Amino acid sequence: MSLQRIWKRLIMNKVPLVSTPILLFRPLAIYANPHIKIAKFCTESVTPTPTLPDGGLVTDFFINKCGMTEKDVSKVLQLHKGLLRKPSQDLEEGLELLSDCGVTTPAQIRRAVVRNPGFFLYKSERDLKSRLSFLRRIMNKEDVCKLLYIHSSILNLTEDKLKSAYSLLQRLGIEGDALSKLVARQPRLLTHTEEKVIESFKVAEGLGFEKGSRIFGYAMNFILGVGKEKIDRKLQFLSSLGFSEKQIYKFSSRALWILAYPAETLKRKVDFLVKSLGLPLDDFVRCSSLLSYNLETRIIPRYRVMEALKSMQLLKTERISPHIVTYTEKRFLEKYVNGNPEFSSVLRDVYYGEKAVKADR
């Protein structure tokens, strides 16, 4: 039977679609008249399902409400695909909570969201509101604002963890405004175990940092990152270089970063500055940045110039000041190289070494 005839039967006749020729199977009567059922109307009210935003709506929200760029949004949605399933109402509630904490300017909102877009994955009422309420009770509003737009990932911690970490810092004697500012500046202190925080606190106190000061919080965070054992070994190493205990504590309190330097690098710099330039160890305490400069590209070339000036009898004093290392490039050249016009070309060759020779060629 052709398709046209079948279609005609379906429209015009109430006839089975089974033809009369020889059949291998018992036919089933399928009538052409379709059975159309009319749905019954119901007067009961039904709660509408919230409309989930598509990628376009989420993108518009982040660009128009959070000040983000398309590139920002692309990165955020790649890392947090769950945001595509968040209702618009949840996104707006999260933004409102940030605003209540003082994160209101476009720059602050963008920074907070870019650093922790997962903020919007939480249920605002159930998860975020109670955490933010706790932070507002124990911190200044200004510090809460700073914490959120710089380190908004702190909200990934549970409320119990936040309370436990704050309680520990209070037991260590850090309270009030000092505690508020400490957490705003060094929020990672809240993420470590109680044992590690207590250990870093004791080491920072032992190094002579004032409890509650800005540098004290930095020292605790630094110690947590480096580890007590490494710091103890570095302090012993500085002692082996000839520094007294008093010098070490003064030195480390002014240049804590030096405790993270490789031991071999420290030894080479100290040996050269003491033995070749003749600097006393007290100069390292007074001018803690001395060891931050590169030995090969800064310290040694300047030492060569000073030796050349000595041989030319152009130095007023034999003692070399540590400032020859700390002077800017421009200042050093003006004072010691170009300041002697008669010998400036020779001194430039001495200062630049092989580079000057290659440039002449």
Protein backbone atom coordinates (compact mmCIF):
# COMPACT_ATOMS: atom_id res chain seq x y z
CA MET A 1 0.00 0.00 0.00
CA SER A 2 1.44 3.38 -1.01
CA LEU A 3 2.13 6.12 1.52
CA GLN A 4 -0.44 8.37 -0.16
CA ARG A 5 -3.21 5.78 0.31
CA ILE A 6 -2.23 5.21 3.94
CA TRP A 7 -2.31 8.94 4.63
CA LYS A 8 -5.74 9.23 2.93
CA ARG A 9 -7.14 6.44 5.09
CA LEU A 10 -5.76 8.10 8.20
CA ILE A 11 -7.55 11.36 7.39
CA MET A 12 -10.88 10.13 5.92
CA ASN A 13 -11.70 6.69 7.26
CA LYS A 14 -11.93 4.77 10.48
CA VAL A 15 -10.34 1.71 8.96
CA PRO A 16 -7.61 -0.55 10.30
CA LEU A 17 -4.23 0.15 8.83
CA VAL A 18 -3.79 -3.54 8.18
CA SER A 19 -4.40 -4.77 4.63
CA THR A 20 -5.98 -8.10 3.67
CA PRO A 21 -3.14 -9.99 1.94
CA ILE A 22 -1.48 -13.01 3.54
CA LEU A 23 -0.24 -12.15 7.00
CA LEU A 24 2.53 -13.79 8.92
CA PHE A 25 1.32 -12.40 12.24
CA ARG A 26 -2.09 -11.74 13.69
CA PRO A 27 -2.90 -8.11 12.87
CA LEU A 28 -3.51 -5.50 15.51
CA ALA A 29 -6.34 -3.10 14.76
CA ILE A 30 -4.96 0.43 14.74
CA TYR A 31 -7.69 2.88 13.86
CA ALA A 32 -7.10 6.07 12.03
CA ASN A 33 -9.12 8.32 14.30
CA PRO A 34 -6.65 9.68 16.86
CA HIS A 35 -7.75 9.73 20.49
CA ILE A 36 -7.32 13.31 21.72
CA LYS A 37 -7.51 13.79 25.46
CA ILE A 38 -8.41 17.19 26.87
CA ALA A 39 -6.53 18.03 30.04
CA LYS A 40 -8.68 18.96 33.03
CA PHE A 41 -8.17 22.46 34.37
CA CYS A 42 -7.11 22.72 38.00
CA THR A 43 -7.71 25.68 40.28
CA GLU A 44 -4.95 24.73 42.76
CA SER A 45 -1.99 27.13 42.97
CA VAL A 46 1.42 25.71 42.07
CA THR A 47 4.70 27.21 43.24
CA PRO A 48 6.69 28.13 40.11
CA THR A 49 10.13 26.60 39.68
CA PRO A 50 12.82 29.31 39.78
CA THR A 51 14.24 30.08 36.37
CA LEU A 52 17.89 29.15 36.14
CA PRO A 53 20.05 31.71 34.34
CA ASP A 54 21.70 30.75 31.11
CA GLY A 55 25.28 31.62 30.26
CA GLY A 56 24.21 34.96 28.79
CA LEU A 57 22.41 36.09 31.94
CA VAL A 58 25.28 35.05 34.20
CA THR A 59 27.76 36.84 31.94
CA ASP A 60 25.62 39.99 31.98
CA PHE A 61 25.39 39.84 35.78
CA PHE A 62 29.15 39.61 36.25
CA ILE A 63 29.90 42.30 33.67
CA ASN A 64 27.17 44.80 34.58
CA LYS A 65 26.87 44.21 38.34
CA CYS A 66 30.41 43.11 39.28
CA GLY A 67 32.50 45.20 36.89
CA MET A 68 34.22 42.17 35.37
CA THR A 69 35.56 41.87 31.84
CA GLU A 70 34.53 39.17 29.37
CA LYS A 71 37.93 37.56 29.90
CA ASP A 72 37.33 37.52 33.67
CA VAL A 73 33.93 35.91 33.22
CA SER A 74 35.29 33.29 30.83
CA LYS A 75 37.92 32.18 33.36
CA VAL A 76 35.41 32.17 36.22
CA LEU A 77 32.87 30.03 34.37
CA GLN A 78 35.52 27.56 33.25
CA LEU A 79 36.58 26.99 36.86
CA HIS A 80 33.10 27.20 38.41
CA LYS A 81 30.59 25.76 35.97
CA GLY A 82 28.11 25.44 38.83
CA LEU A 83 27.51 29.19 38.56
CA LEU A 84 25.56 28.54 35.35
CA ARG A 85 22.96 26.71 37.43
CA LYS A 86 22.55 29.44 40.05
CA PRO A 87 19.24 31.33 40.04
CA SER A 88 19.54 35.05 39.42
CA GLN A 89 18.04 35.69 42.85
CA ASP A 90 20.96 33.87 44.56
CA LEU A 91 23.50 35.89 42.62
CA GLU A 92 21.79 39.14 43.60
CA GLU A 93 21.63 38.08 47.27
CA GLY A 94 25.36 37.30 47.31
CA LEU A 95 26.13 40.71 45.85
CA GLU A 96 23.89 42.35 48.46
CA LEU A 97 25.79 40.61 51.28
CA LEU A 98 29.08 41.98 49.92
CA SER A 99 27.53 45.44 49.81
CA ASP A 100 26.38 45.15 53.44
CA CYS A 101 30.00 44.50 54.43
CA GLY A 102 31.23 47.65 52.70
CA VAL A 103 32.36 46.10 49.41
CA THR A 104 30.59 48.61 47.22
CA THR A 105 32.89 50.20 44.65
CA PRO A 106 33.25 48.51 41.23
CA ALA A 107 36.96 47.89 41.86
CA GLN A 108 36.31 46.25 45.24
CA ILE A 109 33.48 44.07 43.92
CA ARG A 110 35.48 42.95 40.89
CA ARG A 111 38.51 42.08 43.02
CA ALA A 112 36.42 40.13 45.53
CA VAL A 113 34.58 38.15 42.85
CA VAL A 114 37.62 37.46 40.65
CA ARG A 115 39.59 36.18 43.66
CA ASN A 116 36.75 33.99 44.93
CA PRO A 117 33.92 33.52 42.42
CA GLY A 118 32.90 30.45 44.42
CA PHE A 119 31.40 32.99 46.85
CA PHE A 120 28.23 32.86 44.75
CA LEU A 121 28.00 29.07 44.94
CA TYR A 122 27.02 29.19 48.60
CA LYS A 123 23.47 29.58 49.82
CA SER A 124 23.37 33.19 50.97
CA GLU A 125 20.96 32.65 53.85
CA ARG A 126 22.28 29.31 55.08
CA ASP A 127 26.05 29.61 54.64
CA LEU A 128 27.28 33.12 53.99
CA LYS A 129 25.05 35.22 56.20
CA SER A 130 26.10 33.54 59.46
CA ARG A 131 29.83 33.69 58.57
CA LEU A 132 29.69 37.34 57.63
CA SER A 133 27.66 38.10 60.72
CA PHE A 134 30.37 36.49 62.86
CA LEU A 135 33.13 38.47 61.13
CA ARG A 136 31.23 41.73 61.62
CA ARG A 137 30.87 41.04 65.35
CA ILE A 138 34.60 40.67 65.98
CA MET A 139 36.12 42.92 63.31
CA ASN A 140 35.90 46.56 62.35
CA LYS A 141 33.71 47.21 59.30
CA GLU A 142 36.71 48.66 57.47
CA ASP A 143 38.75 45.51 58.15
CA VAL A 144 35.88 43.20 57.10
CA CYS A 145 35.65 45.12 53.83
CA LYS A 146 39.41 44.84 53.28
CA LEU A 147 39.34 41.14 54.11
CA LEU A 148 36.58 40.42 51.60
CA TYR A 149 37.89 42.32 48.61
CA ILE A 150 41.48 41.18 49.10
CA HIS A 151 41.07 37.69 50.63
CA SER A 152 37.44 36.74 49.99
CA SER A 153 38.50 33.06 49.80
CA ILE A 154 38.46 33.14 53.61
CA LEU A 155 34.73 32.51 53.31
CA ASN A 156 35.53 29.01 52.10
CA LEU A 157 36.21 28.17 55.75
CA THR A 158 33.35 26.82 57.83
CA GLU A 159 31.90 28.98 60.60
CA ASP A 160 33.22 26.53 63.20
CA LYS A 161 36.74 26.84 61.78
CA LEU A 162 36.51 30.64 61.84
CA LYS A 163 35.36 30.67 65.46
CA SER A 164 38.05 28.20 66.52
CA ALA A 165 40.84 30.19 64.82
CA TYR A 166 39.69 33.47 66.37
CA SER A 167 39.42 31.89 69.79
CA LEU A 168 43.01 30.66 69.53
CA LEU A 169 44.37 34.10 68.61
CA GLN A 170 42.49 35.61 71.53
CA ARG A 171 44.02 33.03 73.91
CA LEU A 172 47.44 34.06 72.61
CA GLY A 173 46.70 37.60 73.79
CA ILE A 174 45.73 39.26 70.51
CA GLU A 175 42.42 41.04 70.93
CA GLY A 176 40.32 44.01 69.90
CA ASP A 177 41.56 46.27 67.13
CA ALA A 178 44.91 44.42 66.93
CA LEU A 179 43.10 41.15 66.22
CA SER A 180 40.83 42.78 63.65
CA LYS A 181 43.76 44.26 61.73
CA LEU A 182 45.86 41.08 62.06
CA VAL A 183 43.18 38.97 60.36
CA ALA A 184 42.56 41.60 57.67
CA ARG A 185 46.28 41.67 56.80
CA GLN A 186 47.15 38.00 57.35
CA PRO A 187 43.93 35.96 56.93
CA ARG A 188 45.87 32.79 56.15
CA LEU A 189 46.61 32.55 59.86
CA LEU A 190 43.03 31.29 60.18
CA THR A 191 43.62 28.37 57.82
CA HIS A 192 46.47 26.63 59.67
CA THR A 193 46.25 24.10 62.47
CA GLU A 194 46.30 25.23 66.09
CA GLU A 195 49.69 23.60 66.65
CA LYS A 196 51.31 25.46 63.75
CA VAL A 197 49.84 28.83 64.74
CA ILE A 198 51.08 28.48 68.33
CA GLU A 199 54.52 27.47 67.06
CA SER A 200 54.77 30.48 64.72
CA PHE A 201 53.59 32.78 67.53
CA LYS A 202 56.36 31.61 69.87
CA VAL A 203 59.07 31.92 67.18
CA ALA A 204 57.92 35.46 66.28
CA GLU A 205 58.04 36.43 69.97
CA GLY A 206 61.49 34.86 70.29
CA LEU A 207 62.78 36.94 67.38
CA GLY A 208 61.77 40.08 69.24
CA PHE A 209 58.72 41.17 67.25
CA GLU A 210 56.17 43.21 69.19
CA LYS A 211 52.96 41.26 69.73
CA GLY A 212 50.02 42.87 67.97
CA SER A 213 52.19 44.99 65.67
CA ARG A 214 51.83 44.89 61.90
CA ILE A 215 55.20 43.18 61.45
CA PHE A 216 54.26 40.57 64.06
CA GLY A 217 51.44 39.24 61.88
CA TYR A 218 53.74 39.23 58.85
CA ALA A 219 56.36 37.32 60.86
CA MET A 220 53.82 34.69 61.95
CA ASN A 221 52.67 34.18 58.37
CA PHE A 222 56.28 34.02 57.14
CA ILE A 223 57.21 31.44 59.78
CA LEU A 224 54.18 29.32 58.89
CA GLY A 225 55.31 29.36 55.25
CA VAL A 226 58.99 28.60 55.83
CA GLY A 227 58.73 26.33 58.87
CA LYS A 228 60.31 26.50 62.31
CA GLU A 229 63.01 23.91 61.57
CA LYS A 230 64.33 25.79 58.53
CA ILE A 231 64.38 29.07 60.43
CA ASP A 232 66.27 27.50 63.35
CA ARG A 233 68.87 26.10 60.91
CA LYS A 234 69.23 29.51 59.22
CA LEU A 235 69.74 31.26 62.57
CA GLN A 236 72.49 28.78 63.44
CA PHE A 237 74.05 29.32 60.03
CA LEU A 238 74.15 33.11 60.53
CA SER A 239 75.88 32.46 63.85
CA SER A 240 78.51 30.37 62.05
CA LEU A 241 79.22 33.37 59.76
CA GLY A 242 80.28 35.39 62.80
CA PHE A 243 77.09 37.26 63.70
CA SER A 244 76.39 37.58 67.43
CA GLU A 245 73.00 36.58 68.84
CA LYS A 246 72.07 40.23 69.30
CA GLN A 247 73.06 41.07 65.72
CA ILE A 248 71.08 38.11 64.39
CA TYR A 249 67.87 39.16 66.13
CA LYS A 250 68.23 42.79 65.05
CA PHE A 251 69.10 41.68 61.54
CA SER A 252 66.20 39.23 61.21
CA SER A 253 63.68 41.67 62.71
CA ARG A 254 64.55 44.20 59.99
CA ALA A 255 64.98 41.75 57.14
CA LEU A 256 62.95 38.64 57.91
CA TRP A 257 63.09 37.61 54.26
CA ILE A 258 66.80 36.85 54.68
CA LEU A 259 65.87 33.70 56.61
CA ALA A 260 64.43 32.24 53.41
CA TYR A 261 67.62 32.80 51.37
CA PRO A 262 69.71 29.76 50.37
CA ALA A 263 72.62 29.29 52.78
CA GLU A 264 75.25 29.17 50.01
CA THR A 265 74.04 32.48 48.53
CA LEU A 266 74.24 34.14 51.94
CA LYS A 267 77.73 32.83 52.59
CA ARG A 268 79.13 34.04 49.26
CA LYS A 269 77.69 37.55 49.74
CA VAL A 270 78.80 37.90 53.36
CA ASP A 271 82.29 36.58 52.61
CA PHE A 272 82.75 38.99 49.70
CA LEU A 273 81.35 42.05 51.47
CA VAL A 274 83.40 41.40 54.61
CA LYS A 275 86.67 40.18 53.10
CA SER A 276 86.83 42.20 49.88
CA LEU A 277 84.96 45.41 50.71
CA GLY A 278 85.97 45.30 54.36
CA LEU A 279 82.47 45.93 55.72
CA PRO A 280 81.98 45.18 59.44
CA LEU A 281 79.08 42.89 60.43
CA ASP A 282 77.33 45.82 62.11
CA ASP A 283 76.82 47.32 58.64
CA PHE A 284 74.54 44.41 57.79
CA VAL A 285 72.41 45.21 60.82
CA ARG A 286 72.23 48.93 60.03
CA CYS A 287 71.73 48.36 56.28
CA SER A 288 69.72 45.14 56.08
CA SER A 289 69.11 45.44 52.33
CA LEU A 290 72.79 44.77 51.55
CA LEU A 291 72.24 41.05 51.07
CA SER A 292 69.28 41.54 48.75
CA TYR A 293 71.48 42.68 45.82
CA ASN A 294 72.98 40.41 43.20
CA LEU A 295 76.64 39.63 43.77
CA GLU A 296 77.73 39.24 40.14
CA THR A 297 75.77 42.04 38.46
CA ARG A 298 75.82 44.72 41.15
CA ILE A 299 78.22 44.20 44.05
CA ILE A 300 81.33 42.97 42.19
CA PRO A 301 81.20 45.60 39.34
CA ARG A 302 80.94 48.39 41.91
CA TYR A 303 83.77 46.89 43.92
CA ARG A 304 85.95 46.95 40.76
CA VAL A 305 85.26 50.67 40.32
CA MET A 306 86.18 51.40 43.96
CA GLU A 307 89.44 49.47 43.58
CA ALA A 308 90.25 51.42 40.40
CA LEU A 309 89.58 54.72 42.18
CA LYS A 310 91.88 53.62 45.01
CA SER A 311 94.69 52.85 42.58
CA MET A 312 94.19 56.27 40.96
CA GLN A 313 94.23 57.84 44.43
CA LEU A 314 90.86 59.46 43.77
CA LEU A 315 89.15 58.26 46.95
CA LYS A 316 89.12 60.57 49.96
CA THR A 317 88.93 57.65 52.39
CA GLU A 318 90.11 54.07 52.31
CA ARG A 319 86.98 52.74 53.99
CA ILE A 320 84.24 51.76 51.59
CA SER A 321 80.72 52.70 52.62
CA PRO A 322 77.86 50.19 52.26
CA HIS A 323 76.04 52.87 50.26
CA ILE A 324 78.07 51.98 47.18
CA VAL A 325 75.86 48.88 47.01
CA THR A 326 72.55 50.55 47.86
CA TYR A 327 72.90 53.61 45.61
CA THR A 328 70.73 53.55 42.48
CA GLU A 329 72.49 52.93 39.18
CA LYS A 330 72.13 56.58 38.19
CA ARG A 331 73.43 57.87 41.51
CA PHE A 332 76.42 55.50 41.55
CA LEU A 333 77.49 56.43 38.00
CA GLU A 334 77.18 60.15 38.68
CA LYS A 335 79.19 59.99 41.90
CA TYR A 336 81.95 57.48 41.11
CA VAL A 337 82.20 57.06 37.31
CA ASN A 338 81.04 60.20 35.48
CA GLY A 339 82.10 62.34 38.43
CA ASN A 340 85.72 61.90 37.28
CA PRO A 341 85.62 63.21 33.66
CA GLU A 342 89.32 62.58 33.05
CA PHE A 343 89.00 58.87 33.80
CA SER A 344 85.29 58.30 33.08
CA SER A 345 85.84 56.20 29.94
CA VAL A 346 88.30 53.94 31.77
CA LEU A 347 85.99 53.65 34.77
CA ARG A 348 83.05 52.76 32.52
CA ASP A 349 85.09 49.94 31.03
CA VAL A 350 85.98 48.78 34.54
CA TYR A 351 82.34 48.97 35.64
CA TYR A 352 80.73 47.27 32.65
CA GLY A 353 83.60 44.82 32.13
CA GLU A 354 83.07 42.42 29.23
CA LYS A 355 79.88 44.22 28.19
CA ALA A 356 81.80 47.43 27.48
CA VAL A 357 84.44 45.55 25.46
CA LYS A 358 81.77 43.79 23.34
CA ALA A 359 79.93 47.08 22.76
CA ASP A 360 83.13 48.73 21.45
CA ARG A 361 83.57 45.90 18.96
